[in-house]
Amino acid sequence: MIEYLQVAAFQGHIHEGNSRINLDKVLEQTELADKRGIDILCFPESYLHGYFSKKDDAFKNAINLQDKNFSNLCKEFSNIGHTTVLLGVNELDNERIYNTVIVIEKGKYIGKYRKAYTYAPYDYYSLGRDFPVFEKKGVKYGIIICLDSAYREPSHIAALKGARIIFCPSFNRVAKDARMLHYLHRKSHFISRAFDNHCWFVTSDIIWDENNEVCPGYSCILSDDGELVAKAEPFQETMLTHSIPLDTLKITKKTRLFGNPELFEIVKHTYEKNFT
C-alpha cells in the first residue's frame, strides 16, 4: 500500500485587525483538514492579524509568544488530533516586531520561522536569521514567507538542512497595475525554488479586491521537479490539497541542490568580494 503525506494550502479572505474572525476561520478549516486526514495545513502570511503598511497598526495587532494570550490561542487547537498548522502572525519580541509563521500541533506550539526579507513600507519588521526545519511522518520541511521566495537563500538553506517540502505563506496584495502581477501569474520564482532545491513547494495566499489593490490568490503546489500539480482558482476560497507519496520524499537529493563543491567555493569568494 502506498503511503502519502497530505499537504494543504488555504486561500481565502482576511479581516485585517480582527484576529477573532480570522482565528475562527483558521479553526474551521483546520477541523475540516483534520477530518480529511491532512498532515500539514498552511495559512497565508500574517493571516491572524493582517499585513499593515503602518508600523503602529502592526504593533496594535500583534502577539507576544511568551504571553498567556498566545498559550490560550494554541489551546484552541487542542481538539485537532493530527493536522499540523502553519499560521502567519505579527510577533512581538521586546521592542521588535517580526513577520512570523508559527507551527502548532495538538494544541502545542512547536516552533516558528521569521521572514528574512522585507521592503518599504513594511521595513519596520525586524528580519529573521534562523532557518529551522520541522518534521512530519519522517519528512523534513521548511518554511519561507512570501518575498523570501524571490531570493535563493531562504529556501536553499532549508533544503541543505534536509527539507523536502517548502511551505510559503504569502500575502500578495498589490496595486492593480503592479508589474509584480505578471511574474506572480507566471509563478517563475516558485518554479525556480522547487526545481533548484529538489523540494515540493506549497504556497497559500489571501483573496483581496479593495481600495485599488488586488490579490486573486496565487495558492499552488509544485512538485520537486518544478511541475505545477495544483492551483487555486482566482478569487475562490479553497483548501488546495495534494497527496505526495512518501517514497518520493525519501529519495536522495539530486546534484542540482548540492552542485559542485568547487563552484560553491567560487560563489563564496564572489560573495565576499562583492559584499564586504
C-alpha atoms as a PDB file:
ATOM      1  CA  MET A   1       0.000   0.000   0.000  1.00  0.00           C
ATOM      2  CA  ILE A   2       1.291   3.456  -0.952  1.00  0.00           C
ATOM      3  CA  GLU A   3       1.621   5.888   1.949  1.00  0.00           C
ATOM      4  CA  TYR A   4       1.236   9.624   1.442  1.00  0.00           C
ATOM      5  CA  LEU A   5       1.997  12.930   3.062  1.00  0.00           C
ATOM      6  CA  GLN A   6      -1.141  15.030   2.658  1.00  0.00           C
ATOM      7  CA  VAL A   7      -0.389  18.733   2.291  1.00  0.00           C
ATOM      8  CA  ALA A   8      -2.847  21.612   2.026  1.00  0.00           C
ATOM      9  CA  ALA A   9      -2.831  25.375   1.430  1.00  0.00           C
ATOM     10  CA  PHE A  10      -5.737  27.603   2.420  1.00  0.00           C
ATOM     11  CA  GLN A  11      -6.717  30.525   0.196  1.00  0.00           C
ATOM     12  CA  GLY A  12      -9.306  32.969   1.480  1.00  0.00           C
ATOM     13  CA  HIS A  13     -10.389  36.438   2.562  1.00  0.00           C
ATOM     14  CA  ILE A  14      -8.868  38.134   5.576  1.00  0.00           C
ATOM     15  CA  HIS A  15     -10.398  40.594   8.059  1.00  0.00           C
ATOM     16  CA  GLU A  16      -7.431  42.794   8.912  1.00  0.00           C
ATOM     17  CA  GLY A  17      -7.396  43.908  12.515  1.00  0.00           C
ATOM     18  CA  ASN A  18      -9.908  41.280  13.643  1.00  0.00           C
ATOM     19  CA  SER A  19      -7.915  38.308  14.870  1.00  0.00           C
ATOM     20  CA  ARG A  20     -11.006  36.632  16.353  1.00  0.00           C
ATOM     21  CA  ILE A  21     -12.764  36.342  12.993  1.00  0.00           C
ATOM     22  CA  ASN A  22      -9.562  35.186  11.321  1.00  0.00           C
ATOM     23  CA  LEU A  23      -8.856  32.637  14.049  1.00  0.00           C
ATOM     24  CA  ASP A  24     -12.380  31.260  13.770  1.00  0.00           C
ATOM     25  CA  LYS A  25     -11.788  30.693  10.044  1.00  0.00           C
ATOM     26  CA  VAL A  26      -8.461  29.004  10.818  1.00  0.00           C
ATOM     27  CA  LEU A  27     -10.108  26.700  13.359  1.00  0.00           C
ATOM     28  CA  GLU A  28     -12.954  25.889  10.965  1.00  0.00           C
ATOM     29  CA  GLN A  29     -10.567  24.971   8.158  1.00  0.00           C
ATOM     30  CA  THR A  30      -8.224  23.064  10.465  1.00  0.00           C
ATOM     31  CA  GLU A  31     -11.057  20.926  11.831  1.00  0.00           C
ATOM     32  CA  LEU A  32     -12.091  20.160   8.254  1.00  0.00           C
ATOM     33  CA  ALA A  33      -8.497  19.304   7.312  1.00  0.00           C
ATOM     34  CA  ASP A  34      -8.157  17.046  10.348  1.00  0.00           C
ATOM     35  CA  LYS A  35     -11.265  15.099   9.299  1.00  0.00           C
ATOM     36  CA  ARG A  36      -9.788  14.701   5.823  1.00  0.00           C
ATOM     37  CA  GLY A  37      -6.503  13.374   7.180  1.00  0.00           C
ATOM     38  CA  ILE A  38      -4.424  16.361   6.087  1.00  0.00           C
ATOM     39  CA  ASP A  39      -0.941  16.190   7.593  1.00  0.00           C
ATOM     40  CA  ILE A  40       0.135  19.838   7.203  1.00  0.00           C
ATOM     41  CA  LEU A  41      -2.142  22.822   6.560  1.00  0.00           C
ATOM     42  CA  CYS A  42      -0.612  26.166   5.582  1.00  0.00           C
ATOM     43  CA  PHE A  43      -2.394  29.523   6.013  1.00  0.00           C
ATOM     44  CA  PRO A  44      -1.383  32.819   4.343  1.00  0.00           C
ATOM     45  CA  GLU A  45       1.209  35.274   5.601  1.00  0.00           C
ATOM     46  CA  SER A  46       0.137  37.329   8.653  1.00  0.00           C
ATOM     47  CA  TYR A  47      -3.271  35.701   8.375  1.00  0.00           C
ATOM     48  CA  LEU A  48      -4.161  36.002  12.051  1.00  0.00           C
ATOM     49  CA  HIS A  49      -3.679  39.775  12.233  1.00  0.00           C
ATOM     50  CA  GLY A  50      -3.186  41.320   8.790  1.00  0.00           C
ATOM     51  CA  TYR A  51      -0.290  42.917   6.919  1.00  0.00           C
ATOM     52  CA  PHE A  52      -0.249  46.627   7.753  1.00  0.00           C
ATOM     53  CA  SER A  53       1.559  49.403   5.888  1.00  0.00           C
ATOM     54  CA  LYS A  54       1.795  51.427   9.123  1.00  0.00           C
ATOM     55  CA  LYS A  55       4.046  50.281  11.948  1.00  0.00           C
ATOM     56  CA  ASP A  56       1.652  51.435  14.692  1.00  0.00           C
ATOM     57  CA  ASP A  57      -1.170  49.313  13.252  1.00  0.00           C
ATOM     58  CA  ALA A  58       1.072  46.277  13.145  1.00  0.00           C
ATOM     59  CA  PHE A  59       2.117  46.726  16.777  1.00  0.00           C
ATOM     60  CA  LYS A  60      -1.531  47.084  17.831  1.00  0.00           C
ATOM     61  CA  ASN A  61      -2.308  43.847  16.001  1.00  0.00           C
ATOM     62  CA  ALA A  62       0.433  41.549  17.227  1.00  0.00           C
ATOM     63  CA  ILE A  63       1.085  38.856  19.801  1.00  0.00           C
ATOM     64  CA  ASN A  64       3.936  38.025  22.147  1.00  0.00           C
ATOM     65  CA  LEU A  65       4.730  34.317  22.033  1.00  0.00           C
ATOM     66  CA  GLN A  66       5.654  34.420  25.723  1.00  0.00           C
ATOM     67  CA  ASP A  67       2.266  35.832  26.675  1.00  0.00           C
ATOM     68  CA  LYS A  68      -0.662  33.937  28.165  1.00  0.00           C
ATOM     69  CA  ASN A  69      -2.830  35.064  25.253  1.00  0.00           C
ATOM     70  CA  PHE A  70      -0.614  33.048  22.933  1.00  0.00           C
ATOM     71  CA  SER A  71      -0.847  29.970  25.158  1.00  0.00           C
ATOM     72  CA  ASN A  72      -4.623  30.319  25.113  1.00  0.00           C
ATOM     73  CA  LEU A  73      -4.574  30.629  21.319  1.00  0.00           C
ATOM     74  CA  CYS A  74      -2.655  27.376  20.994  1.00  0.00           C
ATOM     75  CA  LYS A  75      -5.096  25.615  23.325  1.00  0.00           C
ATOM     76  CA  GLU A  76      -7.899  26.346  20.862  1.00  0.00           C
ATOM     77  CA  PHE A  77      -6.273  23.716  18.636  1.00  0.00           C
ATOM     78  CA  SER A  78      -6.257  21.046  21.357  1.00  0.00           C
ATOM     79  CA  ASN A  79      -9.020  19.041  19.706  1.00  0.00           C
ATOM     80  CA  ILE A  80      -7.038  18.770  16.453  1.00  0.00           C
ATOM     81  CA  GLY A  81      -5.628  15.282  16.656  1.00  0.00           C
ATOM     82  CA  HIS A  82      -3.393  15.091  13.605  1.00  0.00           C
ATOM     83  CA  THR A  83      -3.132  18.150  11.336  1.00  0.00           C
ATOM     84  CA  THR A  84      -0.116  20.420  11.827  1.00  0.00           C
ATOM     85  CA  VAL A  85      -0.986  24.108  11.376  1.00  0.00           C
ATOM     86  CA  LEU A  86       1.287  26.779   9.891  1.00  0.00           C
ATOM     87  CA  LEU A  87      -0.180  30.146  10.861  1.00  0.00           C
ATOM     88  CA  GLY A  88       1.107  33.614   9.976  1.00  0.00           C
ATOM     89  CA  VAL A  89       1.189  36.196  12.786  1.00  0.00           C
ATOM     90  CA  ASN A  90       2.721  39.530  13.747  1.00  0.00           C
ATOM     91  CA  GLU A  91       5.099  38.551  16.531  1.00  0.00           C
ATOM     92  CA  LEU A  92       6.148  40.959  19.288  1.00  0.00           C
ATOM     93  CA  ASP A  93       9.537  40.371  20.885  1.00  0.00           C
ATOM     94  CA  ASN A  94      10.503  43.157  23.310  1.00  0.00           C
ATOM     95  CA  GLU A  95      10.503  46.329  21.175  1.00  0.00           C
ATOM     96  CA  ARG A  96      10.697  44.469  17.885  1.00  0.00           C
ATOM     97  CA  ILE A  97       8.076  43.023  15.588  1.00  0.00           C
ATOM     98  CA  TYR A  98       8.575  40.082  13.243  1.00  0.00           C
ATOM     99  CA  ASN A  99       6.578  38.668  10.361  1.00  0.00           C
ATOM    100  CA  THR A 100       6.356  35.121  11.675  1.00  0.00           C
ATOM    101  CA  VAL A 101       4.831  31.746  10.935  1.00  0.00           C
ATOM    102  CA  ILE A 102       4.113  29.624  13.995  1.00  0.00           C
ATOM    103  CA  VAL A 103       3.823  25.835  13.922  1.00  0.00           C
ATOM    104  CA  ILE A 104       1.113  24.256  16.091  1.00  0.00           C
ATOM    105  CA  GLU A 105       0.484  20.545  16.723  1.00  0.00           C
ATOM    106  CA  LYS A 106      -2.222  19.145  19.011  1.00  0.00           C
ATOM    107  CA  GLY A 107      -2.622  22.476  20.758  1.00  0.00           C
ATOM    108  CA  LYS A 108       1.107  22.930  21.339  1.00  0.00           C
ATOM    109  CA  TYR A 109       3.496  25.456  19.854  1.00  0.00           C
ATOM    110  CA  ILE A 110       6.491  23.616  18.404  1.00  0.00           C
ATOM    111  CA  GLY A 111       8.420  26.339  16.596  1.00  0.00           C
ATOM    112  CA  LYS A 112       8.452  29.359  14.283  1.00  0.00           C
ATOM    113  CA  TYR A 113      10.013  30.917  11.216  1.00  0.00           C
ATOM    114  CA  ARG A 114      10.641  34.659  10.878  1.00  0.00           C
ATOM    115  CA  LYS A 115      10.602  36.299   7.451  1.00  0.00           C
ATOM    116  CA  ALA A 116      14.097  37.019   6.119  1.00  0.00           C
ATOM    117  CA  TYR A 117      13.353  39.727   3.525  1.00  0.00           C
ATOM    118  CA  THR A 118      11.222  42.864   3.553  1.00  0.00           C
ATOM    119  CA  TYR A 119      10.667  46.132   1.655  1.00  0.00           C
ATOM    120  CA  ALA A 120       9.063  49.549   2.193  1.00  0.00           C
ATOM    121  CA  PRO A 121       6.600  50.326   3.716  1.00  0.00           C
ATOM    122  CA  TYR A 122       6.933  47.038   5.644  1.00  0.00           C
ATOM    123  CA  ASP A 123      10.564  47.589   6.568  1.00  0.00           C
ATOM    124  CA  TYR A 124       9.608  48.251  10.180  1.00  0.00           C
ATOM    125  CA  TYR A 125       9.726  44.472  10.576  1.00  0.00           C
ATOM    126  CA  SER A 126      12.893  43.024  12.042  1.00  0.00           C
ATOM    127  CA  LEU A 127      14.366  40.230   9.925  1.00  0.00           C
ATOM    128  CA  GLY A 128      14.758  36.606  10.885  1.00  0.00           C
ATOM    129  CA  ARG A 129      18.078  34.847  10.512  1.00  0.00           C
ATOM    130  CA  ASP A 130      17.137  31.351  11.657  1.00  0.00           C
ATOM    131  CA  PHE A 131      16.024  28.725   9.155  1.00  0.00           C
ATOM    132  CA  PRO A 132      14.543  25.853  11.151  1.00  0.00           C
ATOM    133  CA  VAL A 133      13.484  22.548   9.652  1.00  0.00           C
ATOM    134  CA  PHE A 134      10.490  20.661  11.032  1.00  0.00           C
ATOM    135  CA  GLU A 135       9.353  17.068  10.556  1.00  0.00           C
ATOM    136  CA  LYS A 136       6.116  15.191   9.861  1.00  0.00           C
ATOM    137  CA  LYS A 137       5.842  11.461   9.159  1.00  0.00           C
ATOM    138  CA  GLY A 138       9.617  11.334   8.977  1.00  0.00           C
ATOM    139  CA  VAL A 139       9.690  14.019   6.251  1.00  0.00           C
ATOM    140  CA  LYS A 140      11.576  17.247   6.856  1.00  0.00           C
ATOM    141  CA  TYR A 141      10.048  20.520   5.730  1.00  0.00           C
ATOM    142  CA  GLY A 142      10.956  24.195   5.842  1.00  0.00           C
ATOM    143  CA  ILE A 143       9.055  27.477   5.814  1.00  0.00           C
ATOM    144  CA  ILE A 144       9.703  30.728   3.967  1.00  0.00           C
ATOM    145  CA  ILE A 145       7.389  33.745   3.682  1.00  0.00           C
ATOM    146  CA  CYS A 146       6.187  35.487   0.502  1.00  0.00           C
ATOM    147  CA  LEU A 147       9.049  37.780  -0.654  1.00  0.00           C
ATOM    148  CA  ASP A 148      11.576  35.202   0.593  1.00  0.00           C
ATOM    149  CA  SER A 149      10.584  33.123  -2.440  1.00  0.00           C
ATOM    150  CA  ALA A 150      12.033  35.722  -4.803  1.00  0.00           C
ATOM    151  CA  TYR A 151      15.510  35.031  -3.407  1.00  0.00           C
ATOM    152  CA  ARG A 152      17.631  31.892  -3.377  1.00  0.00           C
ATOM    153  CA  GLU A 153      18.980  31.756   0.164  1.00  0.00           C
ATOM    154  CA  PRO A 154      15.992  31.084   2.491  1.00  0.00           C
ATOM    155  CA  SER A 155      14.673  28.018   0.682  1.00  0.00           C
ATOM    156  CA  HIS A 156      18.173  26.837  -0.238  1.00  0.00           C
ATOM    157  CA  ILE A 157      19.297  26.861   3.385  1.00  0.00           C
ATOM    158  CA  ALA A 158      16.236  24.826   4.387  1.00  0.00           C
ATOM    159  CA  ALA A 159      16.854  22.373   1.536  1.00  0.00           C
ATOM    160  CA  LEU A 160      20.502  21.954   2.511  1.00  0.00           C
ATOM    161  CA  LYS A 161      19.264  21.091   6.011  1.00  0.00           C
ATOM    162  CA  GLY A 162      17.257  18.250   4.521  1.00  0.00           C
ATOM    163  CA  ALA A 163      13.860  19.818   3.802  1.00  0.00           C
ATOM    164  CA  ARG A 164      11.912  18.034   1.084  1.00  0.00           C
ATOM    165  CA  ILE A 165       8.963  20.425   1.180  1.00  0.00           C
ATOM    166  CA  ILE A 166       8.999  24.224   1.374  1.00  0.00           C
ATOM    167  CA  PHE A 167       5.844  25.954   2.606  1.00  0.00           C
ATOM    168  CA  CYS A 168       5.427  29.578   1.542  1.00  0.00           C
ATOM    169  CA  PRO A 169       2.614  31.545   3.238  1.00  0.00           C
ATOM    170  CA  SER A 170       2.000  34.687   1.157  1.00  0.00           C
ATOM    171  CA  PHE A 171       0.117  37.981   1.155  1.00  0.00           C
ATOM    172  CA  ASN A 172       0.334  39.151  -2.444  1.00  0.00           C
ATOM    173  CA  ARG A 173      -1.863  42.258  -2.200  1.00  0.00           C
ATOM    174  CA  VAL A 174      -0.576  44.862  -4.670  1.00  0.00           C
ATOM    175  CA  ALA A 175      -1.833  47.776  -6.743  1.00  0.00           C
ATOM    176  CA  LYS A 176      -3.989  46.659  -9.659  1.00  0.00           C
ATOM    177  CA  ASP A 177      -1.424  47.965 -12.158  1.00  0.00           C
ATOM    178  CA  ALA A 178       1.628  46.499 -10.383  1.00  0.00           C
ATOM    179  CA  ARG A 179       4.247  44.777 -12.565  1.00  0.00           C
ATOM    180  CA  MET A 180       4.576  42.142  -9.854  1.00  0.00           C
ATOM    181  CA  LEU A 181       1.270  40.638 -11.014  1.00  0.00           C
ATOM    182  CA  HIS A 182       2.938  39.416 -14.196  1.00  0.00           C
ATOM    183  CA  TYR A 183       5.565  37.251 -12.520  1.00  0.00           C
ATOM    184  CA  LEU A 184       3.030  36.048  -9.951  1.00  0.00           C
ATOM    185  CA  HIS A 185       0.906  34.747 -12.825  1.00  0.00           C
ATOM    186  CA  ARG A 186       3.959  33.028 -14.344  1.00  0.00           C
ATOM    187  CA  LYS A 187       4.999  31.577 -10.973  1.00  0.00           C
ATOM    188  CA  SER A 188       8.572  31.535 -12.235  1.00  0.00           C
ATOM    189  CA  HIS A 189      10.064  32.173  -8.790  1.00  0.00           C
ATOM    190  CA  PHE A 190       8.029  29.310  -7.293  1.00  0.00           C
ATOM    191  CA  ILE A 191       9.170  27.004 -10.085  1.00  0.00           C
ATOM    192  CA  SER A 192      12.790  28.025  -9.553  1.00  0.00           C
ATOM    193  CA  ARG A 193      12.692  27.401  -5.795  1.00  0.00           C
ATOM    194  CA  ALA A 194      11.136  23.961  -6.305  1.00  0.00           C
ATOM    195  CA  PHE A 195      13.443  22.843  -9.107  1.00  0.00           C
ATOM    196  CA  ASP A 196      16.727  24.227  -7.792  1.00  0.00           C
ATOM    197  CA  ASN A 197      16.201  22.780  -4.330  1.00  0.00           C
ATOM    198  CA  HIS A 198      14.590  19.493  -5.360  1.00  0.00           C
ATOM    199  CA  CYS A 199      11.735  20.367  -2.969  1.00  0.00           C
ATOM    200  CA  TRP A 200       7.980  20.285  -3.232  1.00  0.00           C
ATOM    201  CA  PHE A 201       6.716  23.846  -2.941  1.00  0.00           C
ATOM    202  CA  VAL A 202       3.386  24.754  -1.312  1.00  0.00           C
ATOM    203  CA  THR A 203       2.159  28.347  -1.209  1.00  0.00           C
ATOM    204  CA  SER A 204      -1.029  29.763   0.327  1.00  0.00           C
ATOM    205  CA  ASP A 205      -2.399  33.236  -0.329  1.00  0.00           C
ATOM    206  CA  ILE A 206      -5.140  35.721   0.516  1.00  0.00           C
ATOM    207  CA  ILE A 207      -8.059  36.994  -1.577  1.00  0.00           C
ATOM    208  CA  TRP A 208      -8.364  40.779  -1.821  1.00  0.00           C
ATOM    209  CA  ASP A 209     -10.100  43.303  -4.096  1.00  0.00           C
ATOM    210  CA  GLU A 210     -10.433  46.650  -2.321  1.00  0.00           C
ATOM    211  CA  ASN A 211      -9.059  50.209  -2.447  1.00  0.00           C
ATOM    212  CA  ASN A 212      -7.413  49.751  -5.851  1.00  0.00           C
ATOM    213  CA  GLU A 213      -5.455  46.788  -4.510  1.00  0.00           C
ATOM    214  CA  VAL A 214      -5.915  43.208  -5.575  1.00  0.00           C
ATOM    215  CA  CYS A 215      -4.879  39.657  -4.874  1.00  0.00           C
ATOM    216  CA  PRO A 216      -6.846  36.980  -6.714  1.00  0.00           C
ATOM    217  CA  GLY A 217      -4.895  34.354  -4.776  1.00  0.00           C
ATOM    218  CA  TYR A 218      -1.816  32.561  -6.046  1.00  0.00           C
ATOM    219  CA  SER A 219      -2.058  29.409  -3.967  1.00  0.00           C
ATOM    220  CA  CYS A 220      -0.408  26.495  -5.707  1.00  0.00           C
ATOM    221  CA  ILE A 221       1.546  23.284  -5.224  1.00  0.00           C
ATOM    222  CA  LEU A 222       4.579  22.308  -7.289  1.00  0.00           C
ATOM    223  CA  SER A 223       6.482  19.044  -7.425  1.00  0.00           C
ATOM    224  CA  ASP A 224      10.203  18.810  -6.700  1.00  0.00           C
ATOM    225  CA  ASP A 225      10.787  18.966 -10.455  1.00  0.00           C
ATOM    226  CA  GLY A 226       9.068  22.361 -10.633  1.00  0.00           C
ATOM    227  CA  GLU A 227       5.867  20.998 -12.174  1.00  0.00           C
ATOM    228  CA  LEU A 228       2.614  22.729 -11.221  1.00  0.00           C
ATOM    229  CA  VAL A 229       0.393  19.950  -9.853  1.00  0.00           C
ATOM    230  CA  ALA A 230      -2.400  22.057  -8.316  1.00  0.00           C
ATOM    231  CA  LYS A 231      -3.501  25.684  -8.288  1.00  0.00           C
ATOM    232  CA  ALA A 232      -6.414  27.578  -6.792  1.00  0.00           C
ATOM    233  CA  GLU A 233      -8.953  29.417  -8.916  1.00  0.00           C
ATOM    234  CA  PRO A 234      -8.786  33.243  -8.756  1.00  0.00           C
ATOM    235  CA  PHE A 235     -10.906  34.854  -6.026  1.00  0.00           C
ATOM    236  CA  GLN A 236     -12.160  31.462  -4.841  1.00  0.00           C
ATOM    237  CA  GLU A 237     -11.867  30.417  -1.207  1.00  0.00           C
ATOM    238  CA  THR A 238     -10.449  26.933  -1.175  1.00  0.00           C
ATOM    239  CA  MET A 239      -8.317  24.419   0.619  1.00  0.00           C
ATOM    240  CA  LEU A 240      -5.887  23.270  -2.038  1.00  0.00           C
ATOM    241  CA  THR A 241      -4.648  19.733  -1.332  1.00  0.00           C
ATOM    242  CA  HIS A 242      -2.234  17.194  -2.747  1.00  0.00           C
ATOM    243  CA  SER A 243      -1.110  13.711  -1.744  1.00  0.00           C
ATOM    244  CA  ILE A 244       2.651  13.224  -2.037  1.00  0.00           C
ATOM    245  CA  PRO A 245       3.861   9.599  -1.981  1.00  0.00           C
ATOM    246  CA  LEU A 246       6.190   9.178   0.974  1.00  0.00           C
ATOM    247  CA  ASP A 247       8.567   7.060  -1.100  1.00  0.00           C
ATOM    248  CA  THR A 248       9.241  10.016  -3.417  1.00  0.00           C
ATOM    249  CA  LEU A 249      10.067  12.215  -0.424  1.00  0.00           C
ATOM    250  CA  LYS A 250      12.737   9.791   0.735  1.00  0.00           C
ATOM    251  CA  ILE A 251      14.721   9.888  -2.500  1.00  0.00           C
ATOM    252  CA  THR A 252      18.261  11.200  -2.007  1.00  0.00           C
ATOM    253  CA  LYS A 253      18.798  14.803  -3.061  1.00  0.00           C
ATOM    254  CA  LYS A 254      19.896  15.301  -6.633  1.00  0.00           C
ATOM    255  CA  THR A 255      23.068  17.076  -7.704  1.00  0.00           C
ATOM    256  CA  ARG A 256      21.195  20.242  -8.663  1.00  0.00           C
ATOM    257  CA  LEU A 257      20.858  21.017  -4.926  1.00  0.00           C
ATOM    258  CA  PHE A 258      24.430  20.369  -3.859  1.00  0.00           C
ATOM    259  CA  GLY A 259      26.161  21.187  -7.132  1.00  0.00           C
ATOM    260  CA  ASN A 260      29.937  21.055  -7.385  1.00  0.00           C
ATOM    261  CA  PRO A 261      31.881  21.915  -4.184  1.00  0.00           C
ATOM    262  CA  GLU A 262      34.494  23.705  -6.280  1.00  0.00           C
ATOM    263  CA  LEU A 263      31.814  26.033  -7.662  1.00  0.00           C
ATOM    264  CA  PHE A 264      30.453  26.623  -4.160  1.00  0.00           C
ATOM    265  CA  GLU A 265      33.887  27.913  -3.224  1.00  0.00           C
ATOM    266  CA  ILE A 266      33.799  30.300  -6.176  1.00  0.00           C
ATOM    267  CA  VAL A 267      30.351  31.512  -5.115  1.00  0.00           C
ATOM    268  CA  LYS A 268      31.627  32.052  -1.580  1.00  0.00           C
ATOM    269  CA  HIS A 269      34.608  34.112  -2.727  1.00  0.00           C
ATOM    270  CA  THR A 270      32.439  36.120  -5.127  1.00  0.00           C
ATOM    271  CA  TYR A 271      30.034  36.965  -2.305  1.00  0.00           C
ATOM    272  CA  GLU A 272      32.915  38.047  -0.104  1.00  0.00           C
ATOM    273  CA  LYS A 273      34.409  40.190  -2.843  1.00  0.00           C
ATOM    274  CA  ASN A 274      31.197  41.983  -3.746  1.00  0.00           C
ATOM    275  CA  PHE A 275      29.512  42.379  -0.368  1.00  0.00           C
ATOM    276  CA  THR A 276      32.365  43.210   2.006  1.00  0.00           C
END
